[in-house]
PDB file of N, CA and C in Angstrom:
ATOM      1  N   MET A   1     193.337 -60.046 241.214  1.00  0.00           N
ATOM      2  CA  MET A   1     192.432 -59.433 241.767  1.00  0.00           C
ATOM      3  C   MET A   1     191.272 -60.827 241.102  1.00  0.00           C
ATOM      4  N   LYS A   2     191.049 -61.433 239.948  1.00  0.00           N
ATOM      5  CA  LYS A   2     190.115 -61.715 239.484  1.00  0.00           C
ATOM      6  C   LYS A   2     190.354 -63.588 239.865  1.00  0.00           C
ATOM      7  N   THR A   3     192.017 -63.803 240.034  1.00  0.00           N
ATOM      8  CA  THR A   3     192.234 -65.173 240.585  1.00  0.00           C
ATOM      9  C   THR A   3     191.914 -65.235 242.357  1.00  0.00           C
ATOM     10  N   ASN A   4     192.338 -64.066 242.944  1.00  0.00           N
ATOM     11  CA  ASN A   4     191.868 -64.427 244.235  1.00  0.00           C
ATOM     12  C   ASN A   4     190.483 -65.081 244.599  1.00  0.00           C
ATOM     13  N   ILE A   5     189.610 -64.425 243.449  1.00  0.00           N
ATOM     14  CA  ILE A   5     188.060 -64.117 243.703  1.00  0.00           C
ATOM     15  C   ILE A   5     187.857 -65.981 243.014  1.00  0.00           C
ATOM     16  N   THR A   6     188.619 -66.166 242.332  1.00  0.00           N
ATOM     17  CA  THR A   6     188.110 -67.391 241.474  1.00  0.00           C
ATOM     18  C   THR A   6     188.971 -68.610 242.754  1.00  0.00           C
ATOM     19  N   ARG A   7     189.768 -68.567 243.414  1.00  0.00           N
ATOM     20  CA  ARG A   7     190.408 -69.371 244.498  1.00  0.00           C
ATOM     21  C   ARG A   7     189.474 -69.515 245.269  1.00  0.00           C
ATOM     22  N   ILE A   8     189.049 -68.234 246.069  1.00  0.00           N
ATOM     23  CA  ILE A   8     188.049 -67.989 246.716  1.00  0.00           C
ATOM     24  C   ILE A   8     186.720 -69.074 246.659  1.00  0.00           C
ATOM     25  N   LEU A   9     185.953 -68.524 245.507  1.00  0.00           N
ATOM     26  CA  LEU A   9     184.804 -69.406 245.136  1.00  0.00           C
ATOM     27  C   LEU A   9     184.882 -71.060 244.832  1.00  0.00           C
ATOM     28  N   PHE A  10     186.115 -71.153 244.516  1.00  0.00           N
ATOM     29  CA  PHE A  10     186.590 -72.709 244.256  1.00  0.00           C
ATOM     30  C   PHE A  10     186.580 -73.511 245.357  1.00  0.00           C
ATOM     31  N   PHE A  11     187.215 -72.672 246.407  1.00  0.00           N
ATOM     32  CA  PHE A  11     187.471 -73.276 247.893  1.00  0.00           C
ATOM     33  C   PHE A  11     186.026 -73.446 248.557  1.00  0.00           C
ATOM     34  N   VAL A  12     185.245 -72.549 248.734  1.00  0.00           N
ATOM     35  CA  VAL A  12     183.607 -72.451 249.360  1.00  0.00           C
ATOM     36  C   VAL A  12     183.454 -73.813 248.635  1.00  0.00           C
ATOM     37  N   LEU A  13     183.040 -73.908 247.116  1.00  0.00           N
ATOM     38  CA  LEU A  13     182.170 -74.684 246.388  1.00  0.00           C
ATOM     39  C   LEU A  13     182.818 -76.302 246.651  1.00  0.00           C
ATOM     40  N   THR A  14     184.144 -76.394 246.999  1.00  0.00           N
ATOM     41  CA  THR A  14     184.948 -77.493 247.380  1.00  0.00           C
ATOM     42  C   THR A  14     184.767 -77.882 248.791  1.00  0.00           C
ATOM     43  N   ILE A  15     184.491 -76.896 249.742  1.00  0.00           N
ATOM     44  CA  ILE A  15     184.025 -77.745 250.984  1.00  0.00           C
ATOM     45  C   ILE A  15     182.656 -77.906 251.126  1.00  0.00           C
ATOM     46  N   GLY A  16     181.746 -77.264 250.557  1.00  0.00           N
ATOM     47  CA  GLY A  16     180.370 -77.376 250.480  1.00  0.00           C
ATOM     48  C   GLY A  16     179.889 -78.567 249.774  1.00  0.00           C
ATOM     49  N   SER A  17     180.923 -79.019 248.899  1.00  0.00           N
ATOM     50  CA  SER A  17     180.646 -80.429 248.275  1.00  0.00           C
ATOM     51  C   SER A  17     180.945 -81.433 249.171  1.00  0.00           C
ATOM     52  N   LEU A  18     182.225 -81.491 249.843  1.00  0.00           N
ATOM     53  CA  LEU A  18     182.351 -82.624 250.907  1.00  0.00           C
ATOM     54  C   LEU A  18     181.556 -82.487 252.235  1.00  0.00           C
ATOM     55  N   ALA A  19     180.822 -81.407 253.065  1.00  0.00           N
ATOM     56  CA  ALA A  19     180.066 -81.362 253.968  1.00  0.00           C
ATOM     57  C   ALA A  19     178.831 -81.980 253.221  1.00  0.00           C
ATOM     58  N   ALA A  20     178.347 -81.841 251.892  1.00  0.00           N
ATOM     59  CA  ALA A  20     177.258 -82.763 251.235  1.00  0.00           C
ATOM     60  C   ALA A  20     177.329 -83.976 251.761  1.00  0.00           C
ATOM     61  N   CYS A  21     178.273 -84.330 251.245  1.00  0.00           N
ATOM     62  CA  CYS A  21     178.687 -86.091 251.315  1.00  0.00           C
ATOM     63  C   CYS A  21     179.135 -86.347 252.658  1.00  0.00           C
ATOM     64  N   GLY A  22     178.928 -85.752 253.842  1.00  0.00           N
ATOM     65  CA  GLY A  22     179.520 -86.145 255.262  1.00  0.00           C
ATOM     66  C   GLY A  22     178.250 -86.904 255.582  1.00  0.00           C
ATOM     67  N   PRO A  23     178.247 -87.603 257.154  1.00  0.00           N
ATOM     68  CA  PRO A  23     176.874 -88.671 257.484  1.00  0.00           C
ATOM     69  C   PRO A  23     176.071 -87.618 258.177  1.00  0.00           C
ATOM     70  N   GLN A  24     174.482 -88.404 258.093  1.00  0.00           N
ATOM     71  CA  GLN A  24     173.577 -87.284 258.391  1.00  0.00           C
ATOM     72  C   GLN A  24     173.249 -87.699 259.754  1.00  0.00           C
ATOM     73  N   ALA A  25     172.670 -86.860 260.390  1.00  0.00           N
ATOM     74  CA  ALA A  25     172.658 -87.202 261.936  1.00  0.00           C
ATOM     75  C   ALA A  25     171.425 -88.133 261.929  1.00  0.00           C
ATOM     76  N   SER A  26     171.334 -89.193 263.029  1.00  0.00           N
ATOM     77  CA  SER A  26     170.292 -89.919 263.047  1.00  0.00           C
ATOM     78  C   SER A  26     169.648 -89.457 264.230  1.00  0.00           C
ATOM     79  N   ALA A  27     168.307 -90.071 264.381  1.00  0.00           N
ATOM     80  CA  ALA A  27     167.410 -89.533 265.352  1.00  0.00           C
ATOM     81  C   ALA A  27     167.408 -90.838 266.874  1.00  0.00           C
ATOM     82  N   THR A  28     168.112 -91.700 266.246  1.00  0.00           N
ATOM     83  CA  THR A  28     168.511 -92.899 267.406  1.00  0.00           C
ATOM     84  C   THR A  28     169.914 -92.251 268.280  1.00  0.00           C
ATOM     85  N   PRO A  29     169.881 -92.498 269.383  1.00  0.00           N
ATOM     86  CA  PRO A  29     171.234 -92.262 270.343  1.00  0.00           C
ATOM     87  C   PRO A  29     172.147 -93.000 269.574  1.00  0.00           C
ATOM     88  N   ALA A  30     173.504 -92.652 269.615  1.00  0.00           N
ATOM     89  CA  ALA A  30     174.381 -93.544 269.198  1.00  0.00           C
ATOM     90  C   ALA A  30     174.814 -94.836 270.090  1.00  0.00           C
ATOM     91  N   ALA A  31     174.515 -94.656 271.302  1.00  0.00           N
ATOM     92  CA  ALA A  31     175.088 -95.671 272.661  1.00  0.00           C
ATOM     93  C   ALA A  31     173.689 -96.068 272.820  1.00  0.00           C
ATOM     94  N   GLN A  32     173.410 -97.528 272.575  1.00  0.00           N
ATOM     95  CA  GLN A  32     172.136 -97.908 272.849  1.00  0.00           C
ATOM     96  C   GLN A  32     172.040 -99.241 274.150  1.00  0.00           C
ATOM     97  N   GLY A  33     171.454 -99.844 274.644  1.00  0.00           N
ATOM     98  CA  GLY A  33     171.382-100.802 275.554  1.00  0.00           C
ATOM     99  C   GLY A  33     171.096-100.480 277.078  1.00  0.00           C
ATOM    100  N   ASP A  34     171.517-101.084 277.971  1.00  0.00           N
ATOM    101  CA  ASP A  34     170.841-100.515 279.311  1.00  0.00           C
ATOM    102  C   ASP A  34     171.325 -99.930 279.884  1.00  0.00           C
ATOM    103  N   ASN A  35     170.814 -98.854 280.467  1.00  0.00           N
ATOM    104  CA  ASN A  35     171.571 -98.000 280.885  1.00  0.00           C
ATOM    105  C   ASN A  35     171.071 -97.845 282.463  1.00  0.00           C
ATOM    106  N   PRO A  36     172.141 -97.817 283.342  1.00  0.00           N
ATOM    107  CA  PRO A  36     171.553 -98.237 284.681  1.00  0.00           C
ATOM    108  C   PRO A  36     171.467 -96.493 285.658  1.00  0.00           C
ATOM    109  N   TYR A  37     171.589 -95.692 284.860  1.00  0.00           N
ATOM    110  CA  TYR A  37     171.405 -94.503 285.567  1.00  0.00           C
ATOM    111  C   TYR A  37     170.413 -93.518 284.722  1.00  0.00           C
ATOM    112  N   ALA A  38     169.599 -94.581 283.773  1.00  0.00           N
ATOM    113  CA  ALA A  38     167.958 -93.941 283.476  1.00  0.00           C
ATOM    114  C   ALA A  38     167.138 -93.516 284.731  1.00  0.00           C
ATOM    115  N   ALA A  39     166.420 -92.759 284.584  1.00  0.00           N
ATOM    116  CA  ALA A  39     165.625 -92.375 284.978  1.00  0.00           C
ATOM    117  C   ALA A  39     164.503 -93.375 285.784  1.00  0.00           C
ATOM    118  N   GLN A  40     164.247 -93.365 286.917  1.00  0.00           N
ATOM    119  CA  GLN A  40     162.905 -94.329 287.220  1.00  0.00           C
ATOM    120  C   GLN A  40     162.048 -93.811 287.493  1.00  0.00           C
ATOM    121  N   ALA A  41     160.814 -94.638 287.864  1.00  0.00           N
ATOM    122  CA  ALA A  41     159.468 -94.635 288.329  1.00  0.00           C
ATOM    123  C   ALA A  41     159.368 -93.894 289.827  1.00  0.00           C
ATOM    124  N   SER A  42     160.109 -94.072 290.657  1.00  0.00           N
ATOM    125  CA  SER A  42     160.452 -93.941 291.800  1.00  0.00           C
ATOM    126  C   SER A  42     161.422 -92.752 292.260  1.00  0.00           C
ATOM    127  N   ASP A  43     161.954 -91.962 291.402  1.00  0.00           N
ATOM    128  CA  ASP A  43     163.107 -90.833 291.700  1.00  0.00           C
ATOM    129  C   ASP A  43     162.141 -89.627 291.791  1.00  0.00           C
ATOM    130  N   SER A  44     160.762 -89.679 291.687  1.00  0.00           N
ATOM    131  CA  SER A  44     160.188 -88.658 292.164  1.00  0.00           C
ATOM    132  C   SER A  44     160.065 -88.652 293.876  1.00  0.00           C
ATOM    133  N   GLU A  45     160.068 -89.628 294.862  1.00  0.00           N
ATOM    134  CA  GLU A  45     160.087 -89.652 295.980  1.00  0.00           C
ATOM    135  C   GLU A  45     161.063 -89.501 296.770  1.00  0.00           C
ATOM    136  N   LEU A  46     162.434 -89.436 295.994  1.00  0.00           N
ATOM    137  CA  LEU A  46     163.596 -89.128 296.471  1.00  0.00           C
ATOM    138  C   LEU A  46     164.137 -88.073 297.341  1.00  0.00           C
ATOM    139  N   MET A  47     164.833 -87.670 298.205  1.00  0.00           N
ATOM    140  CA  MET A  47     164.709 -86.336 299.035  1.00  0.00           C
ATOM    141  C   MET A  47     165.444 -85.667 297.750  1.00  0.00           C
ATOM    142  N   ARG A  48     164.861 -84.416 298.105  1.00  0.00           N
ATOM    143  CA  ARG A  48     165.658 -82.985 297.601  1.00  0.00           C
ATOM    144  C   ARG A  48     165.840 -82.382 298.747  1.00  0.00           C
ATOM    145  N   GLY A  49     166.777 -81.387 298.349  1.00  0.00           N
ATOM    146  CA  GLY A  49     167.301 -80.277 299.254  1.00  0.00           C
ATOM    147  C   GLY A  49     168.474 -79.110 298.652  1.00  0.00           C
ATOM    148  N   ASP A  50     168.757 -78.381 299.467  1.00  0.00           N
ATOM    149  CA  ASP A  50     169.549 -77.253 299.206  1.00  0.00           C
ATOM    150  C   ASP A  50     170.990 -77.971 299.317  1.00  0.00           C
ATOM    151  N   VAL A  51     172.198 -78.067 298.543  1.00  0.00           N
ATOM    152  CA  VAL A  51     173.479 -77.930 299.106  1.00  0.00           C
ATOM    153  C   VAL A  51     173.901 -76.891 299.485  1.00  0.00           C
ATOM    154  N   THR A  52     174.751 -76.893 300.622  1.00  0.00           N
ATOM    155  CA  THR A  52     175.316 -75.611 300.716  1.00  0.00           C
ATOM    156  C   THR A  52     177.072 -75.830 300.563  1.00  0.00           C
ATOM    157  N   ILE A  53     177.564 -74.757 299.442  1.00  0.00           N
ATOM    158  CA  ILE A  53     179.354 -74.746 298.920  1.00  0.00           C
ATOM    159  C   ILE A  53     179.836 -74.032 300.519  1.00  0.00           C
ATOM    160  N   ASP A  54     180.848 -74.555 300.910  1.00  0.00           N
ATOM    161  CA  ASP A  54     181.564 -74.039 301.864  1.00  0.00           C
ATOM    162  C   ASP A  54     182.720 -73.339 301.087  1.00  0.00           C
ATOM    163  N   SER A  55     183.278 -73.964 300.362  1.00  0.00           N
ATOM    164  CA  SER A  55     184.430 -72.931 299.394  1.00  0.00           C
ATOM    165  C   SER A  55     184.877 -73.883 298.334  1.00  0.00           C
ATOM    166  N   SER A  56     185.476 -73.222 297.600  1.00  0.00           N
ATOM    167  CA  SER A  56     186.106 -73.862 295.934  1.00  0.00           C
ATOM    168  C   SER A  56     187.409 -73.394 295.766  1.00  0.00           C
ATOM    169  N   SER A  57     187.795 -74.338 294.712  1.00  0.00           N
ATOM    170  CA  SER A  57     189.148 -73.985 294.475  1.00  0.00           C
ATOM    171  C   SER A  57     189.676 -74.095 293.138  1.00  0.00           C
ATOM    172  N   LEU A  58     190.453 -73.662 292.512  1.00  0.00           N
ATOM    173  CA  LEU A  58     190.508 -73.956 291.076  1.00  0.00           C
ATOM    174  C   LEU A  58     192.143 -73.763 290.703  1.00  0.00           C
ATOM    175  N   ALA A  59     192.462 -75.305 290.678  1.00  0.00           N
ATOM    176  CA  ALA A  59     194.012 -75.548 290.199  1.00  0.00           C
ATOM    177  C   ALA A  59     194.348 -75.475 288.803  1.00  0.00           C
ATOM    178  N   VAL A  60     195.139 -74.951 288.411  1.00  0.00           N
ATOM    179  CA  VAL A  60     195.886 -74.650 286.854  1.00  0.00           C
ATOM    180  C   VAL A  60     197.132 -75.231 286.661  1.00  0.00           C
ATOM    181  N   GLY A  61     196.864 -76.477 285.922  1.00  0.00           N
ATOM    182  CA  GLY A  61     198.160 -77.576 285.512  1.00  0.00           C
ATOM    183  C   GLY A  61     199.399 -76.641 284.908  1.00  0.00           C
ATOM    184  N   GLU A  62     200.426 -76.764 285.001  1.00  0.00           N
ATOM    185  CA  GLU A  62     201.476 -76.157 283.778  1.00  0.00           C
ATOM    186  C   GLU A  62     201.867 -77.142 282.791  1.00  0.00           C
ATOM    187  N   SER A  63     200.676 -77.499 281.899  1.00  0.00           N
ATOM    188  CA  SER A  63     200.881 -78.412 280.584  1.00  0.00           C
ATOM    189  C   SER A  63     200.245 -77.761 279.891  1.00  0.00           C
ATOM    190  N   GLN A  64     200.385 -78.412 278.671  1.00  0.00           N
ATOM    191  CA  GLN A  64     199.926 -77.781 277.210  1.00  0.00           C
ATOM    192  C   GLN A  64     198.956 -78.692 276.710  1.00  0.00           C
ATOM    193  N   PRO A  65     197.447 -78.979 276.622  1.00  0.00           N
ATOM    194  CA  PRO A  65     196.999 -77.568 277.192  1.00  0.00           C
ATOM    195  C   PRO A  65     196.725 -77.664 278.291  1.00  0.00           C
ATOM    196  N   PRO A  66     196.238 -76.177 279.047  1.00  0.00           N
ATOM    197  CA  PRO A  66     196.579 -76.455 280.445  1.00  0.00           C
ATOM    198  C   PRO A  66     195.290 -77.488 281.130  1.00  0.00           C
ATOM    199  N   HIS A  67     195.554 -77.819 282.054  1.00  0.00           N
ATOM    200  CA  HIS A  67     194.917 -78.848 282.697  1.00  0.00           C
ATOM    201  C   HIS A  67     194.320 -78.125 284.044  1.00  0.00           C
ATOM    202  N   LEU A  68     192.838 -78.275 283.917  1.00  0.00           N
ATOM    203  CA  LEU A  68     192.007 -77.546 285.051  1.00  0.00           C
ATOM    204  C   LEU A  68     191.371 -78.183 285.803  1.00  0.00           C
ATOM    205  N   THR A  69     191.540 -77.881 287.134  1.00  0.00           N
ATOM    206  CA  THR A  69     190.638 -78.937 288.314  1.00  0.00           C
ATOM    207  C   THR A  69     190.150 -77.703 289.405  1.00  0.00           C
ATOM    208  N   LEU A  70     188.729 -78.225 289.447  1.00  0.00           N
ATOM    209  CA  LEU A  70     187.525 -77.682 290.042  1.00  0.00           C
ATOM    210  C   LEU A  70     187.284 -78.223 291.590  1.00  0.00           C
ATOM    211  N   ASN A  71     187.704 -77.855 292.393  1.00  0.00           N
ATOM    212  CA  ASN A  71     187.021 -78.499 293.576  1.00  0.00           C
ATOM    213  C   ASN A  71     186.215 -77.635 294.466  1.00  0.00           C
ATOM    214  N   PHE A  72     184.996 -78.530 295.117  1.00  0.00           N
ATOM    215  CA  PHE A  72     184.025 -77.878 295.580  1.00  0.00           C
ATOM    216  C   PHE A  72     184.232 -78.744 296.901  1.00  0.00           C
ATOM    217  N   ALA A  73     184.077 -77.919 298.264  1.00  0.00           N
ATOM    218  CA  ALA A  73     183.621 -78.636 299.604  1.00  0.00           C
ATOM    219  C   ALA A  73     182.299 -77.908 299.778  1.00  0.00           C
ATOM    220  N   TYR A  74     181.178 -79.077 299.723  1.00  0.00           N
ATOM    221  CA  TYR A  74     179.895 -78.448 300.240  1.00  0.00           C
ATOM    222  C   TYR A  74     179.842 -79.673 301.625  1.00  0.00           C
ATOM    223  N   PHE A  75     178.237 -79.080 301.690  1.00  0.00           N
ATOM    224  CA  PHE A  75     177.447 -79.741 303.152  1.00  0.00           C
ATOM    225  C   PHE A  75     176.263 -79.867 302.360  1.00  0.00           C
ATOM    226  N   GLN A  76     175.819 -81.145 302.508  1.00  0.00           N
ATOM    227  CA  GLN A  76     174.441 -81.796 301.896  1.00  0.00           C
ATOM    228  C   GLN A  76     173.851 -82.352 303.233  1.00  0.00           C
ATOM    229  N   PRO A  77     172.612 -81.660 303.472  1.00  0.00           N
ATOM    230  CA  PRO A  77     171.714 -82.093 304.677  1.00  0.00           C
ATOM    231  C   PRO A  77     171.449 -83.679 304.605  1.00  0.00           C
ATOM    232  N   THR A  78     171.275 -84.590 305.396  1.00  0.00           N
ATOM    233  CA  THR A  78     170.638 -85.751 305.465  1.00  0.00           C
ATOM    234  C   THR A  78     169.205 -86.118 305.968  1.00  0.00           C
ATOM    235  N   PRO A  79     168.295 -86.662 305.971  1.00  0.00           N
ATOM    236  CA  PRO A  79     167.102 -87.020 306.838  1.00  0.00           C
ATOM    237  C   PRO A  79     167.346 -86.816 308.132  1.00  0.00           C
ATOM    238  N   CYS A  80     168.582 -87.206 308.786  1.00  0.00           N
ATOM    239  CA  CYS A  80     168.898 -87.241 309.972  1.00  0.00           C
ATOM    240  C   CYS A  80     169.297 -86.022 310.484  1.00  0.00           C
ATOM    241  N   TYR A  81     169.996 -85.188 309.559  1.00  0.00           N
ATOM    242  CA  TYR A  81     170.444 -83.906 310.166  1.00  0.00           C
ATOM    243  C   TYR A  81     169.014 -82.851 310.461  1.00  0.00           C
ATOM    244  N   GLN A  82     169.178 -82.139 311.902  1.00  0.00           N
ATOM    245  CA  GLN A  82     168.646 -80.924 312.453  1.00  0.00           C
ATOM    246  C   GLN A  82     169.204 -80.145 312.420  1.00  0.00           C
ATOM    247  N   GLY A  83     168.817 -78.730 311.569  1.00  0.00           N
ATOM    248  CA  GLY A  83     169.178 -77.229 311.499  1.00  0.00           C
ATOM    249  C   GLY A  83     169.031 -76.780 312.976  1.00  0.00           C
ATOM    250  N   VAL A  84     170.291 -76.047 313.231  1.00  0.00           N
ATOM    251  CA  VAL A  84     170.001 -74.983 314.442  1.00  0.00           C
ATOM    252  C   VAL A  84     169.305 -73.718 314.017  1.00  0.00           C
ATOM    253  N   SER A  85     168.402 -74.048 314.750  1.00  0.00           N
ATOM    254  CA  SER A  85     167.378 -72.886 314.651  1.00  0.00           C
ATOM    255  C   SER A  85     167.556 -71.262 315.781  1.00  0.00           C
ATOM    256  N   LYS A  86     167.813 -70.265 315.011  1.00  0.00           N
ATOM    257  CA  LYS A  86     167.876 -69.201 315.460  1.00  0.00           C
ATOM    258  C   LYS A  86     167.073 -68.438 316.314  1.00  0.00           C
TER     259      LYS A  86
END
């Protein structure tokens, strides 16, 4: 019984010591440079609206690990779209 406790304590101390030697998190992002998709000042003027999801499907591949594909059929109104009033 004492041997098991000693092994567990040794394992915990070893993992703790190795984890303390790992790399520290940095405040700067890993990828630097020009991001063409970064937020722009004119983004607040873009059109916003609701998107209607017509249908969705989930395909499961027979592989290991399983490959999942989720598809959506949707309708996104444009400024030229005029809804039908009831």
